[in-house]
Protein backbone atom coordinates (compact mmCIF):
# COMPACT_ATOMS: atom_id res chain seq x y z
CA MET A 1 -38.36 54.50 29.78
CA THR A 2 -40.18 54.20 26.50
CA THR A 3 -38.55 54.31 23.12
CA LEU A 4 -40.17 57.66 22.39
CA ASN A 5 -38.71 59.17 25.55
CA ARG A 6 -35.23 57.82 24.73
CA LEU A 7 -35.48 59.23 21.22
CA PHE A 8 -36.59 62.61 22.60
CA PHE A 9 -33.71 62.82 25.10
CA THR A 10 -31.19 61.66 22.50
CA LEU A 11 -32.38 64.33 20.09
CA LEU A 12 -32.27 66.93 22.86
CA ALA A 13 -28.71 65.91 23.74
CA VAL A 14 -27.60 66.17 20.11
CA ILE A 15 -29.13 69.64 19.78
CA PHE A 16 -27.46 70.71 23.03
CA VAL A 17 -24.05 69.48 21.90
CA LEU A 18 -24.34 71.10 18.48
CA ALA A 19 -25.56 74.39 19.88
CA PHE A 20 -22.71 74.78 22.35
CA SER A 21 -19.82 73.16 20.51
CA VAL A 22 -19.97 75.42 17.46
CA ASN A 23 -19.56 78.88 18.91
CA THR A 24 -17.43 80.59 16.29
CA SER A 25 -18.58 84.13 17.03
CA PHE A 26 -16.83 84.06 20.40
CA ALA A 27 -13.62 82.84 18.78
CA GLU A 28 -13.82 85.56 16.12
CA GLU A 29 -14.40 88.26 18.75
CA LEU A 30 -11.45 86.99 20.75
CA SER A 31 -9.26 86.98 17.62
CA ASP A 32 -10.31 90.57 16.80
CA GLN A 33 -9.56 91.68 20.36
CA GLU A 34 -6.10 90.14 20.21
CA GLN A 35 -5.34 91.95 16.97
CA VAL A 36 -6.51 95.29 18.38
CA GLU A 37 -4.35 94.77 21.45
CA ASP A 38 -1.34 93.99 19.26
CA GLY A 39 -1.98 97.09 17.15
CA GLU A 40 -2.14 94.99 13.98
CA HIS A 41 -5.86 95.37 13.32
CA GLU A 42 -6.17 96.29 9.69
CA LYS A 43 -9.18 97.99 8.20
CA LYS A 44 -11.55 95.70 6.33
CA PRO A 45 -12.15 96.82 2.76
CA GLU A 46 -15.48 98.30 1.78
CA TYR A 47 -17.19 96.95 -1.31
CA ALA A 48 -19.31 98.38 -4.09
CA TYR A 49 -21.75 96.18 -5.98
CA PHE A 50 -22.58 96.33 -9.67
CA GLU A 51 -25.82 94.54 -10.46
CA MET A 52 -25.72 93.46 -14.06
CA LYS A 53 -28.87 93.00 -16.10
CA GLY A 54 -30.07 89.43 -16.45
CA ILE A 55 -28.03 87.42 -18.92
CA THR A 56 -30.22 85.08 -20.96
CA ILE A 57 -28.61 82.28 -22.95
CA PRO A 58 -30.51 80.18 -25.54
CA TYR A 59 -29.69 76.49 -25.94
CA ILE A 60 -29.79 75.75 -29.66
CA ARG A 61 -29.79 72.12 -30.73
CA GLU A 62 -30.55 70.36 -34.01
CA ASP A 63 -34.30 70.69 -33.44
CA GLY A 64 -34.12 74.42 -32.55
CA VAL A 65 -34.10 76.26 -29.24
CA THR A 66 -34.64 73.76 -26.44
CA GLN A 67 -34.33 76.06 -23.43
CA PHE A 68 -33.26 79.43 -22.10
CA SER A 69 -31.11 79.98 -19.02
CA THR A 70 -31.06 83.31 -17.22
CA TYR A 71 -28.35 84.32 -14.77
CA LEU A 72 -28.50 87.33 -12.44
CA ILE A 73 -24.95 88.43 -11.68
CA THR A 74 -23.52 91.03 -9.32
CA LEU A 75 -19.88 92.09 -9.26
CA GLU A 76 -18.33 92.76 -5.86
CA VAL A 77 -15.59 95.39 -6.17
CA GLU A 78 -13.51 97.20 -3.58
CA LYS A 79 -14.65 100.84 -3.28
CA GLU A 80 -11.28 102.12 -4.45
CA ASN A 81 -11.69 100.22 -7.76
CA GLU A 82 -15.29 101.30 -8.33
CA LYS A 83 -14.50 103.94 -10.98
CA LYS A 84 -12.21 101.58 -12.91
CA ILE A 85 -14.96 98.95 -13.23
CA GLU A 86 -17.84 101.29 -14.16
CA GLY A 87 -16.60 101.60 -17.73
CA LYS A 88 -15.95 97.87 -18.06
CA VAL A 89 -19.38 96.54 -17.06
CA ARG A 90 -20.67 96.51 -20.66
CA GLN A 91 -17.53 94.73 -21.88
CA LEU A 92 -17.91 92.18 -19.09
CA THR A 93 -21.58 91.64 -19.93
CA ASP A 94 -20.69 91.05 -23.58
CA ALA A 95 -17.87 88.67 -22.63
CA TYR A 96 -20.16 86.74 -20.24
CA ILE A 97 -22.90 86.38 -22.86
CA SER A 98 -20.46 85.25 -25.53
CA TYR A 99 -18.75 82.74 -23.25
CA LEU A 100 -21.94 81.29 -21.76
CA PHE A 101 -23.49 80.96 -25.21
CA ARG A 102 -20.44 79.06 -26.51
CA LEU A 103 -20.50 76.92 -23.38
CA SER A 104 -24.19 76.12 -23.86
CA GLN A 105 -23.48 74.69 -27.30
CA TYR A 106 -21.26 71.91 -25.89
CA ASN A 107 -24.26 69.93 -24.62
CA ILE A 108 -23.08 69.94 -20.99
CA ASP A 109 -26.41 71.02 -19.52
CA ASN A 110 -25.76 69.48 -16.10
CA ARG A 111 -22.58 71.56 -15.68
CA LEU A 112 -24.40 74.76 -16.58
CA ARG A 113 -26.73 74.22 -13.63
CA ASN A 114 -23.75 73.99 -11.27
CA LEU A 115 -23.35 77.58 -10.08
CA ASP A 116 -19.84 76.97 -8.72
CA PHE A 117 -18.78 75.82 -12.20
CA ILE A 118 -20.36 78.93 -13.75
CA LYS A 119 -18.66 81.19 -11.20
CA GLU A 120 -15.25 79.68 -11.97
CA ARG A 121 -15.76 80.18 -15.69
CA LEU A 122 -16.97 83.76 -15.26
CA ARG A 123 -13.96 84.49 -13.06
CA GLU A 124 -11.65 83.35 -15.89
CA VAL A 125 -13.52 85.50 -18.42
CA THR A 126 -13.38 88.47 -16.05
CA GLU A 127 -9.61 88.17 -15.67
CA LYS A 128 -9.24 88.40 -19.46
CA VAL A 129 -11.32 91.59 -19.69
CA VAL A 130 -10.11 93.49 -16.60
CA ASP A 131 -7.18 93.21 -14.22
CA GLU A 132 -7.74 90.21 -11.97
CA ASP A 133 -7.34 92.29 -8.80
CA LEU A 134 -10.18 94.69 -9.64
CA ILE A 135 -13.06 92.26 -9.02
CA HIS A 136 -13.24 90.82 -5.52
CA ASP A 137 -16.03 88.33 -6.20
CA ILE A 138 -18.70 87.39 -8.70
CA LEU A 139 -22.04 86.82 -7.03
CA ILE A 140 -24.77 84.86 -8.75
CA ARG A 141 -28.04 86.19 -7.32
CA GLY A 142 -30.15 83.75 -9.25
CA ALA A 143 -30.33 81.28 -12.10
CA ARG A 144 -33.38 80.01 -13.92
CA ASP A 145 -33.97 77.55 -16.73
CA LYS A 146 -36.98 77.54 -19.02
CA ARG A 147 -37.30 74.40 -21.12
CA PHE A 148 -39.50 73.89 -24.15
């Protein structure tokens, strides 16, 4: 058997093992069926989404504006809280812009490209503006940097 054949069969075996060992959908279906049988199946919440306008933050250094970062943010809210959040979207946008601008001035550019870091910070800002239980998740649809 040539080396190429051994490599091919090894790769095929790895793919086979990975494909059949990670079958989570069957486990989830089984779990859902057990809950329905027990009568404890609770209704999953429905969500509303508020797409905010792009938030653009300038990076101002000693030699002027060095770059702009734009974030596209969507708020995921349970349907029952939709009306409560509608009036707060402008306040949240203002709070996000203010916070991200202050954060950009600390010269931590590498952290501002880490979307998990940004999400954590926006979550903290959100909890200061609205009740923490009103927003289910903050989704970052996109982020873009333009350097000069």
